[in-house]
Amino acid sequence: SMRDIVCRLGVRSYIKGTGKPSYALKKDNPYQ
């Protein structure tokens, strides 16, 4: 399905602090 999003990079608010980094931060995948 198609997705439209209004967003930005580098936001530090709303971090839950689960201790696990997002899989999107890995360099070997196509996600941001």
All heavy atoms as atom14 arrays in JSON, in Angstrom:
{
  "sequence": "SMRDIVCRLGVRSYIKGTGKPSYALKKDNPYQ",
  "atom14_mask": [
    [1, 1, 1, 1, 1, 1, 0, 0, 0, 0, 0, 0, 0, 0],
    [1, 1, 1, 1, 1, 1, 1, 1, 0, 0, 0, 0, 0, 0],
    [1, 1, 1, 1, 1, 1, 1, 1, 1, 1, 1, 0, 0, 0],
    [1, 1, 1, 1, 1, 1, 1, 1, 0, 0, 0, 0, 0, 0],
    [1, 1, 1, 1, 1, 1, 1, 1, 0, 0, 0, 0, 0, 0],
    [1, 1, 1, 1, 1, 1, 1, 0, 0, 0, 0, 0, 0, 0],
    [1, 1, 1, 1, 1, 1, 0, 0, 0, 0, 0, 0, 0, 0],
    [1, 1, 1, 1, 1, 1, 1, 1, 1, 1, 1, 0, 0, 0],
    [1, 1, 1, 1, 1, 1, 1, 1, 0, 0, 0, 0, 0, 0],
    [1, 1, 1, 1, 0, 0, 0, 0, 0, 0, 0, 0, 0, 0],
    [1, 1, 1, 1, 1, 1, 1, 0, 0, 0, 0, 0, 0, 0],
    [1, 1, 1, 1, 1, 1, 1, 1, 1, 1, 1, 0, 0, 0],
    [1, 1, 1, 1, 1, 1, 0, 0, 0, 0, 0, 0, 0, 0],
    [1, 1, 1, 1, 1, 1, 1, 1, 1, 1, 1, 1, 0, 0],
    [1, 1, 1, 1, 1, 1, 1, 1, 0, 0, 0, 0, 0, 0],
    [1, 1, 1, 1, 1, 1, 1, 1, 1, 0, 0, 0, 0, 0],
    [1, 1, 1, 1, 0, 0, 0, 0, 0, 0, 0, 0, 0, 0],
    [1, 1, 1, 1, 1, 1, 1, 0, 0, 0, 0, 0, 0, 0],
    [1, 1, 1, 1, 0, 0, 0, 0, 0, 0, 0, 0, 0, 0],
    [1, 1, 1, 1, 1, 1, 1, 1, 1, 0, 0, 0, 0, 0],
    [1, 1, 1, 1, 1, 1, 1, 0, 0, 0, 0, 0, 0, 0],
    [1, 1, 1, 1, 1, 1, 0, 0, 0, 0, 0, 0, 0, 0],
    [1, 1, 1, 1, 1, 1, 1, 1, 1, 1, 1, 1, 0, 0],
    [1, 1, 1, 1, 1, 0, 0, 0, 0, 0, 0, 0, 0, 0],
    [1, 1, 1, 1, 1, 1, 1, 1, 0, 0, 0, 0, 0, 0],
    [1, 1, 1, 1, 1, 1, 1, 1, 1, 0, 0, 0, 0, 0],
    [1, 1, 1, 1, 1, 1, 1, 1, 1, 0, 0, 0, 0, 0],
    [1, 1, 1, 1, 1, 1, 1, 1, 0, 0, 0, 0, 0, 0],
    [1, 1, 1, 1, 1, 1, 1, 1, 0, 0, 0, 0, 0, 0],
    [1, 1, 1, 1, 1, 1, 1, 0, 0, 0, 0, 0, 0, 0],
    [1, 1, 1, 1, 1, 1, 1, 1, 1, 1, 1, 1, 0, 0],
    [1, 1, 1, 1, 1, 1, 1, 1, 1, 0, 0, 0, 0, 0]
  ],
  "atom14_positions": [
    [[0.83, -1.2, 0.0], [0.0, 0.0, 0.0], [0.87, 1.26, 0.0], [2.04, 1.23, 0.37], [-0.93, 0.01, 1.22], [-0.19, 0.01, 2.41], [0.0, 0.0, 0.0], [0.0, 0.0, 0.0], [0.0, 0.0, 0.0], [0.0, 0.0, 0.0], [0.0, 0.0, 0.0], [0.0, 0.0, 0.0], [0.0, 0.0, 0.0], [0.0, 0.0, 0.0]],
    [[0.28, 2.36, -0.45], [0.99, 3.62, -0.51], [0.87, 4.36, 0.82], [-0.16, 4.28, 1.48], [0.41, 4.5, -1.62], [1.24, 5.72, -1.91], [0.51, 6.74, -3.18], [-0.66, 7.66, -2.21], [0.0, 0.0, 0.0], [0.0, 0.0, 0.0], [0.0, 0.0, 0.0], [0.0, 0.0, 0.0], [0.0, 0.0, 0.0], [0.0, 0.0, 0.0]],
    [[1.92, 5.07, 1.21], [1.91, 5.81, 2.47], [2.41, 7.21, 2.23], [3.44, 7.42, 1.6], [2.83, 5.09, 3.47], [3.1, 5.86, 4.75], [2.03, 5.53, 5.78], [2.54, 5.58, 7.13], [2.47, 6.67, 7.9], [1.94, 7.77, 7.46], [2.94, 6.63, 9.12], [0.0, 0.0, 0.0], [0.0, 0.0, 0.0], [0.0, 0.0, 0.0]],
    [[1.66, 8.21, 2.72], [2.08, 9.61, 2.73], [2.37, 9.98, 4.17], [1.61, 9.62, 5.07], [0.98, 10.52, 2.18], [0.7, 10.28, 0.71], [1.66, 10.09, -0.04], [-0.48, 10.27, 0.33], [0.0, 0.0, 0.0], [0.0, 0.0, 0.0], [0.0, 0.0, 0.0], [0.0, 0.0, 0.0], [0.0, 0.0, 0.0], [0.0, 0.0, 0.0]],
    [[3.45, 10.72, 4.38], [3.86, 11.06, 5.73], [4.45, 12.46, 5.76], [5.13, 12.87, 4.82], [4.88, 10.01, 6.26], [5.21, 10.23, 7.73], [6.12, 9.97, 5.41], [6.0, 9.09, 8.34], [0.0, 0.0, 0.0], [0.0, 0.0, 0.0], [0.0, 0.0, 0.0], [0.0, 0.0, 0.0], [0.0, 0.0, 0.0], [0.0, 0.0, 0.0]],
    [[4.14, 13.21, 6.8], [4.77, 14.51, 7.06], [5.69, 14.28, 8.25], [5.24, 13.89, 9.32], [3.73, 15.6, 7.38], [4.42, 16.91, 7.73], [2.79, 15.79, 6.2], [0.0, 0.0, 0.0], [0.0, 0.0, 0.0], [0.0, 0.0, 0.0], [0.0, 0.0, 0.0], [0.0, 0.0, 0.0], [0.0, 0.0, 0.0], [0.0, 0.0, 0.0]],
    [[6.98, 14.49, 8.04], [7.93, 14.05, 9.05], [9.21, 14.88, 9.03], [9.36, 15.78, 8.23], [8.27, 12.59, 8.82], [8.9, 12.27, 7.17], [0.0, 0.0, 0.0], [0.0, 0.0, 0.0], [0.0, 0.0, 0.0], [0.0, 0.0, 0.0], [0.0, 0.0, 0.0], [0.0, 0.0, 0.0], [0.0, 0.0, 0.0], [0.0, 0.0, 0.0]],
    [[10.11, 14.49, 9.92], [11.45, 15.05, 9.92], [12.39, 14.1, 10.64], [11.97, 13.23, 11.39], [11.49, 16.45, 10.53], [11.37, 16.51, 12.01], [11.55, 17.91, 12.52], [12.26, 17.82, 13.78], [12.62, 18.84, 14.51], [12.37, 20.06, 14.09], [13.25, 18.68, 15.62], [0.0, 0.0, 0.0], [0.0, 0.0, 0.0], [0.0, 0.0, 0.0]],
    [[13.66, 14.29, 10.41], [14.71, 13.48, 11.04], [15.2, 14.18, 12.3], [15.05, 15.38, 12.45], [15.89, 13.3, 10.09], [15.64, 12.67, 8.73], [16.92, 12.67, 7.91], [15.11, 11.28, 8.88], [0.0, 0.0, 0.0], [0.0, 0.0, 0.0], [0.0, 0.0, 0.0], [0.0, 0.0, 0.0], [0.0, 0.0, 0.0], [0.0, 0.0, 0.0]],
    [[15.81, 13.43, 13.17], [16.51, 14.01, 14.31], [15.67, 14.44, 15.49], [16.15, 15.14, 16.37], [0.0, 0.0, 0.0], [0.0, 0.0, 0.0], [0.0, 0.0, 0.0], [0.0, 0.0, 0.0], [0.0, 0.0, 0.0], [0.0, 0.0, 0.0], [0.0, 0.0, 0.0], [0.0, 0.0, 0.0], [0.0, 0.0, 0.0], [0.0, 0.0, 0.0]],
    [[14.41, 14.03, 15.57], [13.56, 14.4, 16.7], [13.96, 13.55, 17.91], [14.12, 12.35, 17.81], [12.06, 14.17, 16.36], [11.19, 14.41, 17.58], [11.64, 15.07, 15.22], [0.0, 0.0, 0.0], [0.0, 0.0, 0.0], [0.0, 0.0, 0.0], [0.0, 0.0, 0.0], [0.0, 0.0, 0.0], [0.0, 0.0, 0.0], [0.0, 0.0, 0.0]],
    [[14.11, 14.2, 19.05], [14.49, 13.5, 20.28], [13.34, 13.4, 21.28], [13.45, 12.72, 22.29], [15.68, 14.2, 20.95], [16.91, 14.25, 20.08], [17.6, 12.91, 20.1], [18.78, 12.97, 19.25], [19.1, 12.04, 18.39], [18.35, 10.99, 18.24], [20.18, 12.14, 17.66], [0.0, 0.0, 0.0], [0.0, 0.0, 0.0], [0.0, 0.0, 0.0]],
    [[12.25, 14.09, 21.03], [11.08, 14.02, 21.91], [10.38, 12.67, 21.74], [10.56, 11.98, 20.75], [10.09, 15.12, 21.56], [10.69, 16.37, 21.69], [0.0, 0.0, 0.0], [0.0, 0.0, 0.0], [0.0, 0.0, 0.0], [0.0, 0.0, 0.0], [0.0, 0.0, 0.0], [0.0, 0.0, 0.0], [0.0, 0.0, 0.0], [0.0, 0.0, 0.0]],
    [[9.56, 12.34, 22.68], [8.72, 11.14, 22.63], [9.51, 9.84, 22.64], [8.97, 8.78, 22.33], [7.79, 11.16, 21.4], [6.89, 12.35, 21.34], [7.22, 13.46, 20.56], [5.71, 12.39, 22.07], [6.39, 14.56, 20.49], [4.87, 13.49, 22.01], [5.22, 14.57, 21.21], [4.4, 15.66, 21.15], [0.0, 0.0, 0.0], [0.0, 0.0, 0.0]],
    [[10.78, 9.88, 22.99], [11.56, 8.64, 23.08], [11.13, 7.9, 24.34], [11.09, 8.47, 25.43], [13.07, 8.94, 23.1], [13.5, 9.53, 21.77], [13.86, 7.67, 23.41], [14.96, 9.94, 21.71], [0.0, 0.0, 0.0], [0.0, 0.0, 0.0], [0.0, 0.0, 0.0], [0.0, 0.0, 0.0], [0.0, 0.0, 0.0], [0.0, 0.0, 0.0]],
    [[10.79, 6.63, 24.19], [10.3, 5.84, 25.32], [11.42, 5.29, 26.17], [11.21, 4.93, 27.31], [9.43, 4.7, 24.81], [8.14, 5.17, 24.2], [7.32, 4.0, 23.74], [6.04, 4.49, 23.07], [5.27, 3.4, 22.51], [0.0, 0.0, 0.0], [0.0, 0.0, 0.0], [0.0, 0.0, 0.0], [0.0, 0.0, 0.0], [0.0, 0.0, 0.0]],
    [[12.6, 5.17, 25.63], [13.72, 4.68, 26.41], [13.65, 3.2, 26.71], [13.93, 2.78, 27.82], [0.0, 0.0, 0.0], [0.0, 0.0, 0.0], [0.0, 0.0, 0.0], [0.0, 0.0, 0.0], [0.0, 0.0, 0.0], [0.0, 0.0, 0.0], [0.0, 0.0, 0.0], [0.0, 0.0, 0.0], [0.0, 0.0, 0.0], [0.0, 0.0, 0.0]],
    [[13.27, 2.41, 25.71], [13.19, 0.97, 25.93], [14.56, 0.32, 26.0], [14.67, -0.82, 26.42], [12.39, 0.3, 24.79], [13.06, 0.55, 23.55], [10.97, 0.83, 24.73], [0.0, 0.0, 0.0], [0.0, 0.0, 0.0], [0.0, 0.0, 0.0], [0.0, 0.0, 0.0], [0.0, 0.0, 0.0], [0.0, 0.0, 0.0], [0.0, 0.0, 0.0]],
    [[15.59, 1.02, 25.58], [16.94, 0.49, 25.63], [17.38, -0.22, 24.37], [18.55, -0.45, 24.16], [0.0, 0.0, 0.0], [0.0, 0.0, 0.0], [0.0, 0.0, 0.0], [0.0, 0.0, 0.0], [0.0, 0.0, 0.0], [0.0, 0.0, 0.0], [0.0, 0.0, 0.0], [0.0, 0.0, 0.0], [0.0, 0.0, 0.0], [0.0, 0.0, 0.0]],
    [[16.43, -0.57, 23.5], [16.77, -1.24, 22.25], [16.76, -0.22, 21.11], [15.76, 0.47, 20.91], [15.77, -2.34, 21.92], [15.76, -3.47, 22.93], [14.9, -4.63, 22.48], [13.5, -4.23, 22.16], [12.61, -5.34, 21.83], [0.0, 0.0, 0.0], [0.0, 0.0, 0.0], [0.0, 0.0, 0.0], [0.0, 0.0, 0.0], [0.0, 0.0, 0.0]],
    [[17.85, -0.11, 20.36], [17.84, 0.82, 19.22], [16.93, 0.28, 18.11], [16.75, -0.92, 17.97], [19.3, 0.85, 18.77], [19.9, -0.38, 19.31], [19.13, -0.75, 20.55], [0.0, 0.0, 0.0], [0.0, 0.0, 0.0], [0.0, 0.0, 0.0], [0.0, 0.0, 0.0], [0.0, 0.0, 0.0], [0.0, 0.0, 0.0], [0.0, 0.0, 0.0]],
    [[16.37, 1.17, 17.32], [15.49, 0.78, 16.23], [16.27, 0.02, 15.17], [17.42, 0.32, 14.88], [14.88, 2.04, 15.6], [14.2, 1.7, 14.41], [0.0, 0.0, 0.0], [0.0, 0.0, 0.0], [0.0, 0.0, 0.0], [0.0, 0.0, 0.0], [0.0, 0.0, 0.0], [0.0, 0.0, 0.0], [0.0, 0.0, 0.0], [0.0, 0.0, 0.0]],
    [[15.61, -0.97, 14.56], [16.24, -1.72, 13.46], [16.53, -0.81, 12.27], [17.36, -1.12, 11.43], [15.38, -2.9, 13.04], [14.06, -2.51, 12.41], [13.92, -2.4, 11.04], [12.96, -2.24, 13.21], [12.72, -2.03, 10.48], [11.76, -1.87, 12.66], [11.65, -1.76, 11.28], [10.46, -1.39, 10.73], [0.0, 0.0, 0.0], [0.0, 0.0, 0.0]],
    [[15.84, 0.34, 12.19], [16.04, 1.28, 11.08], [17.39, 1.98, 11.17], [17.85, 2.56, 10.2], [14.93, 2.32, 11.06], [0.0, 0.0, 0.0], [0.0, 0.0, 0.0], [0.0, 0.0, 0.0], [0.0, 0.0, 0.0], [0.0, 0.0, 0.0], [0.0, 0.0, 0.0], [0.0, 0.0, 0.0], [0.0, 0.0, 0.0], [0.0, 0.0, 0.0]],
    [[18.03, 1.92, 12.31], [19.31, 2.59, 12.48], [20.49, 1.74, 12.01], [21.61, 2.23, 11.94], [19.52, 2.98, 13.95], [18.48, 3.97, 14.5], [18.72, 4.2, 15.98], [18.51, 5.26, 13.73], [0.0, 0.0, 0.0], [0.0, 0.0, 0.0], [0.0, 0.0, 0.0], [0.0, 0.0, 0.0], [0.0, 0.0, 0.0], [0.0, 0.0, 0.0]],
    [[20.24, 0.49, 11.65], [21.3, -0.36, 11.13], [21.67, 0.1, 9.72], [20.82, 0.51, 8.95], [20.86, -1.82, 11.11], [20.65, -2.38, 12.49], [20.23, -3.82, 12.42], [19.99, -4.37, 13.81], [19.52, -5.75, 13.79], [0.0, 0.0, 0.0], [0.0, 0.0, 0.0], [0.0, 0.0, 0.0], [0.0, 0.0, 0.0], [0.0, 0.0, 0.0]],
    [[22.93, 0.03, 9.39], [23.43, 0.54, 8.11], [23.11, -0.37, 6.94], [23.16, 0.05, 5.8], [24.95, 0.75, 8.18], [25.37, 1.76, 9.21], [24.91, 3.15, 8.82], [25.38, 4.15, 9.86], [24.71, 5.41, 9.77], [0.0, 0.0, 0.0], [0.0, 0.0, 0.0], [0.0, 0.0, 0.0], [0.0, 0.0, 0.0], [0.0, 0.0, 0.0]],
    [[22.78, -1.64, 7.18], [22.62, -2.59, 6.08], [21.16, -2.77, 5.63], [20.85, -3.72, 4.95], [23.2, -3.95, 6.48], [22.53, -4.53, 7.72], [21.85, -3.78, 8.43], [22.7, -5.74, 7.96], [0.0, 0.0, 0.0], [0.0, 0.0, 0.0], [0.0, 0.0, 0.0], [0.0, 0.0, 0.0], [0.0, 0.0, 0.0], [0.0, 0.0, 0.0]],
    [[20.28, -1.86, 6.0], [18.9, -1.97, 5.53], [18.45, -0.66, 4.86], [19.07, 0.37, 5.04], [17.95, -2.37, 6.67], [17.83, -1.31, 7.75], [17.94, -0.13, 7.49], [17.61, -1.74, 8.96], [0.0, 0.0, 0.0], [0.0, 0.0, 0.0], [0.0, 0.0, 0.0], [0.0, 0.0, 0.0], [0.0, 0.0, 0.0], [0.0, 0.0, 0.0]],
    [[17.37, -0.71, 4.09], [16.94, 0.46, 3.32], [15.99, 1.4, 4.07], [15.3, 2.19, 3.44], [16.23, -0.17, 2.13], [15.6, -1.4, 2.71], [16.62, -1.9, 3.71], [0.0, 0.0, 0.0], [0.0, 0.0, 0.0], [0.0, 0.0, 0.0], [0.0, 0.0, 0.0], [0.0, 0.0, 0.0], [0.0, 0.0, 0.0], [0.0, 0.0, 0.0]],
    [[15.96, 1.33, 5.39], [14.98, 2.1, 6.15], [15.57, 3.34, 6.8], [16.73, 3.37, 7.17], [14.34, 1.22, 7.22], [13.7, -0.02, 6.64], [14.25, -1.26, 6.87], [12.57, 0.08, 5.86], [13.67, -2.4, 6.33], [11.99, -1.05, 5.32], [12.54, -2.28, 5.55], [11.98, -3.39, 5.0], [0.0, 0.0, 0.0], [0.0, 0.0, 0.0]],
    [[14.73, 4.36, 6.95], [15.13, 5.61, 7.61], [14.11, 5.9, 8.7], [12.9, 5.95, 8.45], [15.17, 6.75, 6.6], [15.57, 8.07, 7.17], [17.02, 8.07, 7.64], [17.92, 7.69, 6.91], [17.24, 8.47, 8.85], [0.0, 0.0, 0.0], [0.0, 0.0, 0.0], [0.0, 0.0, 0.0], [0.0, 0.0, 0.0], [0.0, 0.0, 0.0]]
  ]
}
